[in-house]
C-alpha cells in the first residue's frame, strides 16, 4: 500500500468533528488544507471527505467523493479516550476502518496483500519485544497488581467491551454481549479458572455496563477491575474475546487467543476463530501482523514536537508519559468525570 502521505490530496473536508477533536484532526492530517463542514452537502464533487470511525455518510453526497475514516490507533495514550485524554496515535483509513469486518480496511489489505521484507520483519520483532518488556498497551491504565491464583491449572482471561461500540455491531456477527461471551467460554471450558475484566470505560462510569453485566460473578471465577492488561496477560494461559484489542496484545505475548467475533487480527492463522472471515485467506507469522498493524498502518504524533514520529519514538514517549503519570487518578480528573460523560456524547 502506498504511504498515506502520497494518497491524500492537498485539501480535505472534515465532517462531524467536535471542537475537542478538531485540533487533533489537524495534527494527524498535518500538511493538508482542512475545511470543517457541518453538512455533507457542503462537500464538492470529487473531493475527499474525512469522518470519524464508522460514521454513516449521507447517501446524497455529490459524485466521486472519496471518504477516509479516522480512528484511534493501538498505542494510544496513558489514560482513556473517553476521559478526553489526547491521543498519540490515530489511523487514517482510505478503505474502511479496522474494526468493520463487513468490508476490507487498509490494515486488512496490508495483511492480505503486502510484502514484508526481512528488514521490516526484524524491526517488527524488536518492536514486539520492547512492547512486551515495557508493558505498554493501548491505554496504559490500572493501578492494582493481579496475581494468578495458586493451584489453578488453566486460566482464561475474558476482557469485556462496551456493547454499544461499533466494533461489536460491525465485527461480531454471532455473540454480541459480554455475558453471552462469558456463557460460551464457561460452557466450552467448564473446568477452567475464568477471569472477567470489565472494559475500563465502563469501570470509569464513562460508558454504560452491558446487559446483565452485574451478574458476571455467576459465570466467572473472578472479576478484576483495576489491574493493567499488561500485568495480567503474562499470567494467564488463554484470552477469549469478541473483538477486543486485548486479543492482539495477548498474541504479542504468545498467548492462545480465541475470537468469537471477527477482529482485525483474526483470520490469519494466529487465532482460533469461531466465526471465520472467509476472505482472509493468507497465513501469517506473528511479526507479519506486528509489521502491518503497528508500523505500516497507524500514524504517530509526538506529544513534544507535534510532528509525525516512528512507532519506536512513540513507544519512548508513551513509556516516559506512563512513568511520569500519577498512579491514581487525580482529584481534578475525578471531579471532571460527570462533565466528561456529558461531553462524550459530542466526541
Protein backbone atom coordinates (compact mmCIF):
# COMPACT_ATOMS: atom_id res chain seq x y z
CA UNK A 1 0.00 0.00 0.00
CA UNK A 2 1.22 3.49 -0.77
CA UNK A 3 2.22 5.73 2.08
CA UNK A 4 -0.80 7.69 3.30
CA UNK A 5 1.01 10.98 2.66
CA UNK A 6 1.07 10.22 -1.06
CA UNK A 7 -2.56 9.04 -1.14
CA UNK A 8 -4.23 12.04 0.46
CA UNK A 9 -4.95 15.19 -1.57
CA UNK A 10 -3.85 18.66 -0.58
CA UNK A 11 -7.37 19.64 0.54
CA UNK A 12 -9.59 17.53 2.79
CA UNK A 13 -13.09 18.25 4.06
CA UNK A 14 -13.92 17.01 7.57
CA UNK A 15 -17.47 16.33 8.68
CA UNK A 16 -18.95 15.92 12.16
CA UNK A 17 -15.91 16.57 14.35
CA UNK A 18 -16.44 18.21 17.73
CA UNK A 19 -14.50 21.28 18.84
CA UNK A 20 -12.39 18.98 21.05
CA UNK A 21 -11.37 16.74 18.16
CA UNK A 22 -10.70 19.38 15.51
CA UNK A 23 -7.16 20.28 16.69
CA UNK A 24 -6.34 16.56 16.80
CA UNK A 25 -7.59 16.13 13.22
CA UNK A 26 -5.29 18.97 12.19
CA UNK A 27 -2.31 17.27 13.84
CA UNK A 28 -2.89 13.87 12.26
CA UNK A 29 -3.62 15.34 8.82
CA UNK A 30 -0.85 17.92 9.02
CA UNK A 31 0.38 19.22 5.71
CA UNK A 32 -3.15 19.22 4.31
CA UNK A 33 -5.59 22.10 3.98
CA UNK A 34 -8.57 21.17 6.17
CA UNK A 35 -12.08 22.53 5.81
CA UNK A 36 -14.52 21.56 8.57
CA UNK A 37 -18.11 21.38 7.39
CA UNK A 38 -21.44 20.80 9.15
CA UNK A 39 -23.31 19.25 6.22
CA UNK A 40 -22.24 16.59 3.73
CA UNK A 41 -23.89 18.64 1.01
CA UNK A 42 -21.16 21.27 1.51
CA UNK A 43 -18.53 18.91 0.10
CA UNK A 44 -17.94 19.46 -3.63
CA UNK A 45 -17.90 16.67 -6.19
CA UNK A 46 -14.59 14.84 -6.49
CA UNK A 47 -13.37 15.95 -3.05
CA UNK A 48 -12.01 13.86 -0.16
CA UNK A 49 -14.12 13.74 2.99
CA UNK A 50 -12.81 12.70 6.42
CA UNK A 51 -15.19 11.29 9.04
CA UNK A 52 -14.73 9.66 12.44
CA UNK A 53 -14.76 5.88 12.65
CA UNK A 54 -17.66 4.08 11.04
CA UNK A 55 -19.90 7.15 10.97
CA UNK A 56 -22.55 6.85 8.28
CA UNK A 57 -22.23 9.33 5.45
CA UNK A 58 -25.20 10.96 3.74
CA UNK A 59 -26.18 8.85 0.70
CA UNK A 60 -26.81 12.02 -1.30
CA UNK A 61 -23.16 13.01 -1.47
CA UNK A 62 -22.07 14.69 -4.67
CA UNK A 63 -20.40 12.41 -7.24
CA UNK A 64 -16.93 10.88 -6.83
CA UNK A 65 -16.35 11.91 -3.22
CA UNK A 66 -13.72 9.73 -1.56
CA UNK A 67 -14.35 9.02 2.13
CA UNK A 68 -11.47 8.41 4.55
CA UNK A 69 -12.02 7.35 8.15
CA UNK A 70 -10.07 8.40 11.24
CA UNK A 71 -9.89 6.32 14.42
CA UNK A 72 -7.74 5.72 17.49
CA UNK A 73 -4.56 3.73 16.97
CA UNK A 74 -3.43 0.73 19.01
CA UNK A 75 -0.82 2.50 21.16
CA UNK A 76 -2.92 5.48 22.08
CA UNK A 77 -2.23 7.18 25.38
CA UNK A 78 -1.82 6.98 29.15
CA UNK A 79 -5.48 7.31 30.04
CA UNK A 80 -8.81 6.74 28.34
CA UNK A 81 -10.14 8.35 25.20
CA UNK A 82 -13.49 8.65 26.99
CA UNK A 83 -11.66 10.78 29.57
CA UNK A 84 -10.70 13.08 26.65
CA UNK A 85 -7.02 12.20 27.05
CA UNK A 86 -5.15 13.32 23.93
CA UNK A 87 -4.07 10.52 21.56
CA UNK A 88 -0.54 9.81 20.42
CA UNK A 89 -1.69 7.62 17.53
CA UNK A 90 -4.58 7.52 15.08
CA UNK A 91 -5.20 5.59 11.89
CA UNK A 92 -6.21 7.17 8.61
CA UNK A 93 -8.01 4.50 6.61
CA UNK A 94 -8.77 5.02 2.92
CA UNK A 95 -10.85 1.84 2.51
CA UNK A 96 -12.87 1.29 5.68
CA UNK A 97 -11.91 1.02 9.35
CA UNK A 98 -10.10 -1.81 11.10
CA UNK A 99 -12.98 -2.97 13.32
CA UNK A 100 -15.51 -3.17 10.47
CA UNK A 101 -15.27 -6.79 9.39
CA UNK A 102 -18.06 -6.38 6.84
CA UNK A 103 -15.62 -4.89 4.33
CA UNK A 104 -11.91 -4.54 3.65
CA UNK A 105 -9.91 -1.91 5.52
CA UNK A 106 -6.40 -0.66 4.81
CA UNK A 107 -4.94 -2.91 7.52
CA UNK A 108 -6.75 -5.96 6.12
CA UNK A 109 -5.45 -5.07 2.66
CA UNK A 110 -1.91 -4.91 4.06
CA UNK A 111 -2.29 -8.23 5.85
CA UNK A 112 -3.72 -9.92 2.77
CA UNK A 113 -1.50 -8.37 0.07
CA UNK A 114 1.61 -6.60 1.40
CA UNK A 115 5.13 -7.96 1.13
CA UNK A 116 7.09 -7.87 4.39
CA UNK A 117 10.83 -7.82 3.74
CA UNK A 118 13.49 -9.08 6.13
CA UNK A 119 14.40 -5.63 7.45
CA UNK A 120 10.77 -4.79 8.24
CA UNK A 121 10.23 -8.13 9.98
CA UNK A 122 13.38 -7.68 12.06
CA UNK A 123 12.12 -4.23 13.05
CA UNK A 124 8.74 -5.73 13.97
CA UNK A 125 10.39 -8.42 16.13
CA UNK A 126 12.43 -5.85 18.03
CA UNK A 127 9.35 -3.65 18.48
CA UNK A 128 7.28 -6.58 19.75
CA UNK A 129 9.95 -7.49 22.29
CA UNK A 130 10.16 -3.89 23.50
CA UNK A 131 6.40 -3.63 23.85
CA UNK A 132 6.18 -6.78 25.92
CA UNK A 133 9.13 -5.86 28.13
CA UNK A 134 7.88 -2.30 28.71
CA UNK A 135 4.29 -3.38 29.38
CA UNK A 136 2.88 -0.71 27.07
CA UNK A 137 -0.69 -1.29 25.82
CA UNK A 138 -3.36 0.89 24.21
CA UNK A 139 -4.48 2.93 27.24
CA UNK A 140 -1.95 2.01 29.96
CA UNK A 141 -4.41 2.23 32.85
CA UNK A 142 -4.82 0.17 36.03
CA UNK A 143 -3.02 0.53 39.33
CA UNK A 144 -3.64 -2.73 41.20
CA UNK A 145 -1.38 -5.76 40.90
CA UNK A 146 -3.08 -9.01 39.95
CA UNK A 147 -1.77 -12.41 40.98
CA UNK A 148 -2.65 -15.67 39.28
CA UNK A 149 -4.38 -17.91 41.82
CA UNK A 150 -2.27 -20.75 43.14
CA UNK A 151 -3.08 -24.32 42.11
CA UNK A 152 -5.05 -23.32 39.01
CA UNK A 153 -4.13 -25.45 36.03
CA UNK A 154 -5.69 -23.27 33.29
CA UNK A 155 -6.61 -19.60 33.50
CA UNK A 156 -8.69 -17.87 30.81
CA UNK A 157 -8.99 -14.08 30.65
CA UNK A 158 -12.22 -12.69 29.18
CA UNK A 159 -12.00 -8.92 28.50
CA UNK A 160 -15.31 -7.07 28.49
CA UNK A 161 -16.22 -4.50 25.88
CA UNK A 162 -18.56 -1.54 25.55
CA UNK A 163 -21.54 -3.28 23.99
CA UNK A 164 -22.76 -0.18 22.14
CA UNK A 165 -19.44 0.22 20.30
CA UNK A 166 -19.34 -0.08 16.53
CA UNK A 167 -16.72 -2.80 16.83
CA UNK A 168 -19.44 -5.10 18.19
CA UNK A 169 -22.07 -4.10 15.61
CA UNK A 170 -19.62 -4.45 12.70
CA UNK A 171 -17.27 -7.15 13.94
CA UNK A 172 -19.34 -9.63 15.92
CA UNK A 173 -21.88 -11.42 13.68
CA UNK A 174 -22.63 -14.07 16.31
CA UNK A 175 -22.29 -13.40 20.04
CA UNK A 176 -22.62 -9.68 20.79
CA UNK A 177 -22.77 -9.27 24.58
CA UNK A 178 -20.25 -9.72 27.35
CA UNK A 179 -22.49 -12.11 29.25
CA UNK A 180 -23.14 -14.29 26.20
CA UNK A 181 -19.39 -14.40 25.66
CA UNK A 182 -18.83 -15.47 29.26
CA UNK A 183 -21.52 -18.14 28.95
CA UNK A 184 -19.91 -19.53 25.81
CA UNK A 185 -16.47 -19.57 27.42
CA UNK A 186 -17.78 -21.28 30.54
CA UNK A 187 -19.74 -23.84 28.53
CA UNK A 188 -16.69 -24.75 26.44
CA UNK A 189 -14.28 -24.67 29.38
CA UNK A 190 -16.17 -25.91 32.46
CA UNK A 191 -13.02 -26.70 34.45
CA UNK A 192 -11.03 -23.55 33.66
CA UNK A 193 -10.49 -20.64 36.05
CA UNK A 194 -12.18 -17.75 34.22
CA UNK A 195 -11.22 -14.15 34.96
CA UNK A 196 -13.51 -11.39 33.68
CA UNK A 197 -12.14 -7.87 33.22
CA UNK A 198 -14.78 -5.20 32.51
CA UNK A 199 -13.88 -2.55 29.95
CA UNK A 200 -12.05 0.42 31.57
CA UNK A 201 -14.57 2.92 30.15
CA UNK A 202 -17.33 1.01 31.95
CA UNK A 203 -15.32 0.79 35.17
CA UNK A 204 -14.78 4.56 34.99
CA UNK A 205 -18.51 5.18 34.61
CA UNK A 206 -17.95 6.83 31.24
CA UNK A 207 -19.86 4.17 29.28
CA UNK A 208 -22.83 2.00 30.22
CA UNK A 209 -22.45 -1.53 31.51
CA UNK A 210 -23.52 -4.33 29.23
CA UNK A 211 -26.83 -6.10 29.55
CA UNK A 212 -26.73 -8.24 32.71
CA UNK A 213 -23.05 -7.47 33.30
CA UNK A 214 -23.64 -7.11 37.04
CA UNK A 215 -24.24 -10.90 37.06
CA UNK A 216 -20.76 -11.72 35.76
CA UNK A 217 -19.89 -13.33 39.10
CA UNK A 218 -22.29 -16.16 38.28
CA UNK A 219 -20.13 -17.16 35.30
CA UNK A 220 -16.61 -16.02 36.12
CA UNK A 221 -14.43 -17.21 38.98
CA UNK A 222 -13.01 -13.73 39.48
CA UNK A 223 -13.76 -10.16 38.42
CA UNK A 224 -10.73 -7.90 38.03
CA UNK A 225 -11.43 -4.18 37.80
CA UNK A 226 -8.31 -2.04 38.20
CA UNK A 227 -5.37 -4.13 37.04
CA UNK A 228 -3.30 -3.27 34.00
CA UNK A 229 -3.80 -5.53 31.00
CA UNK A 230 -0.03 -5.81 30.54
CA UNK A 231 0.25 -7.09 34.12
CA UNK A 232 -2.44 -9.75 33.64
CA UNK A 233 -1.60 -11.15 30.21
CA UNK A 234 1.70 -12.87 31.13
CA UNK A 235 -0.07 -14.72 33.96
CA UNK A 236 -2.96 -16.26 32.00
CA UNK A 237 -2.98 -19.21 29.61
CA UNK A 238 -5.64 -18.08 27.14
CA UNK A 239 -7.60 -15.00 26.18
CA UNK A 240 -11.15 -15.28 24.79
CA UNK A 241 -12.59 -12.16 23.13
CA UNK A 242 -15.35 -10.77 20.98
CA UNK A 243 -13.32 -8.13 19.12
CA UNK A 244 -11.23 -6.66 21.96
CA UNK A 245 -7.74 -5.33 21.25
CA UNK A 246 -6.67 -7.40 24.26
CA UNK A 247 -6.60 -10.37 21.89
CA UNK A 248 -3.94 -8.68 19.78
CA UNK A 249 -1.98 -7.72 22.91
CA UNK A 250 -2.20 -11.36 24.01
CA UNK A 251 -0.81 -12.57 20.67
CA UNK A 252 2.21 -10.31 21.18
CA UNK A 253 2.88 -12.36 24.33
CA UNK A 254 2.38 -15.71 22.56
CA UNK A 255 -0.89 -16.44 24.36
CA UNK A 256 -3.60 -18.64 22.84
CA UNK A 257 -6.46 -16.42 21.62
CA UNK A 258 -9.99 -17.49 20.75
CA UNK A 259 -12.03 -14.91 18.81
CA UNK A 260 -15.81 -15.18 18.96
CA UNK A 261 -16.08 -12.12 16.71
CA UNK A 262 -14.01 -11.01 13.72
CA UNK A 263 -11.32 -8.59 14.96
CA UNK A 264 -8.70 -7.37 12.50
CA UNK A 265 -6.08 -9.76 13.91
CA UNK A 266 -8.26 -12.88 13.40
CA UNK A 267 -8.35 -15.00 10.27
CA UNK A 268 -4.60 -15.12 9.60
CA UNK A 269 -3.82 -18.44 11.27
CA UNK A 270 -2.79 -16.93 14.62
CA UNK A 271 -6.11 -17.25 16.46
CA UNK A 272 -8.83 -19.81 16.94
CA UNK A 273 -11.78 -18.31 15.06
CA UNK A 274 -15.33 -19.21 15.99
CA UNK A 275 -16.77 -17.18 13.06
CA UNK A 276 -14.04 -17.03 10.37
CA UNK A 277 -13.76 -14.21 7.83
CA UNK A 278 -13.72 -16.17 4.59
CA UNK A 279 -11.97 -13.51 2.51
CA UNK A 280 -8.93 -13.58 4.84
CA UNK A 281 -7.05 -16.43 3.23
CA UNK A 282 -3.40 -15.64 3.90
CA UNK A 283 -1.45 -17.41 6.69
CA UNK A 284 0.84 -15.01 8.55
CA UNK A 285 3.60 -15.13 11.14
CA UNK A 286 3.25 -13.00 14.26
CA UNK A 287 5.79 -10.43 13.11
CA UNK A 288 3.95 -10.02 9.78
CA UNK A 289 0.95 -8.97 11.89
CA UNK A 290 3.06 -6.61 14.00
CA UNK A 291 4.63 -5.01 10.93
CA UNK A 292 1.27 -4.22 9.36
CA UNK A 293 -0.68 -3.29 12.48
CA UNK A 294 1.86 -1.22 14.39
CA UNK A 295 4.39 0.01 11.81
CA UNK A 296 2.68 0.46 8.44
CA UNK A 297 -0.94 1.25 9.35
CA UNK A 298 -1.10 3.94 12.11
CA UNK A 299 0.20 7.48 12.30
CA UNK A 300 2.10 8.60 15.41
CA UNK A 301 2.36 12.22 16.50
CA UNK A 302 4.85 13.41 19.13
CA UNK A 303 3.37 14.98 22.27
CA UNK A 304 6.55 17.08 22.43
CA UNK A 305 7.09 18.34 18.90
CA UNK A 306 3.63 17.82 17.40
CA UNK A 307 5.28 16.21 14.38
CA UNK A 308 4.99 12.75 12.84
CA UNK A 309 7.26 10.19 14.52
CA UNK A 310 8.05 6.49 14.24
CA UNK A 311 6.38 3.85 16.35
CA UNK A 312 9.67 3.39 18.22
CA UNK A 313 9.72 7.06 19.20
CA UNK A 314 6.06 6.79 20.14
CA UNK A 315 6.91 3.88 22.44
CA UNK A 316 9.62 6.01 24.07
CA UNK A 317 7.13 8.82 24.66
CA UNK A 318 4.43 6.51 25.99
CA UNK A 319 6.88 4.93 28.44
CA UNK A 320 8.01 8.33 29.70
CA UNK A 321 4.39 9.53 29.89
CA UNK A 322 3.33 6.49 31.89
CA UNK A 323 6.29 6.75 34.26
CA UNK A 324 5.55 10.43 34.92
CA UNK A 325 1.78 9.96 35.35
CA UNK A 326 0.30 9.61 38.85
CA UNK A 327 -0.54 6.03 39.80
CA UNK A 328 -4.06 7.01 40.80
CA UNK A 329 -6.37 9.42 39.10
CA UNK A 330 -6.09 12.98 40.32
CA UNK A 331 -8.95 14.53 42.29
CA UNK A 332 -9.43 17.08 39.50
CA UNK A 333 -9.95 14.32 36.93
CA UNK A 334 -12.41 12.51 39.21
CA UNK A 335 -14.44 15.69 39.68
CA UNK A 336 -14.39 16.28 35.92
CA UNK A 337 -15.87 12.89 35.03
CA UNK A 338 -19.54 13.96 35.12
CA UNK A 339 -18.64 16.70 32.63
CA UNK A 340 -16.68 14.21 30.53
CA UNK A 341 -19.62 11.81 30.44
CA UNK A 342 -21.74 14.65 29.06
CA UNK A 343 -19.03 15.77 26.62
CA UNK A 344 -18.51 12.23 25.35
CA UNK A 345 -21.88 12.45 23.56
CA UNK A 346 -20.36 15.07 21.22
CA UNK A 347 -16.99 13.41 20.56
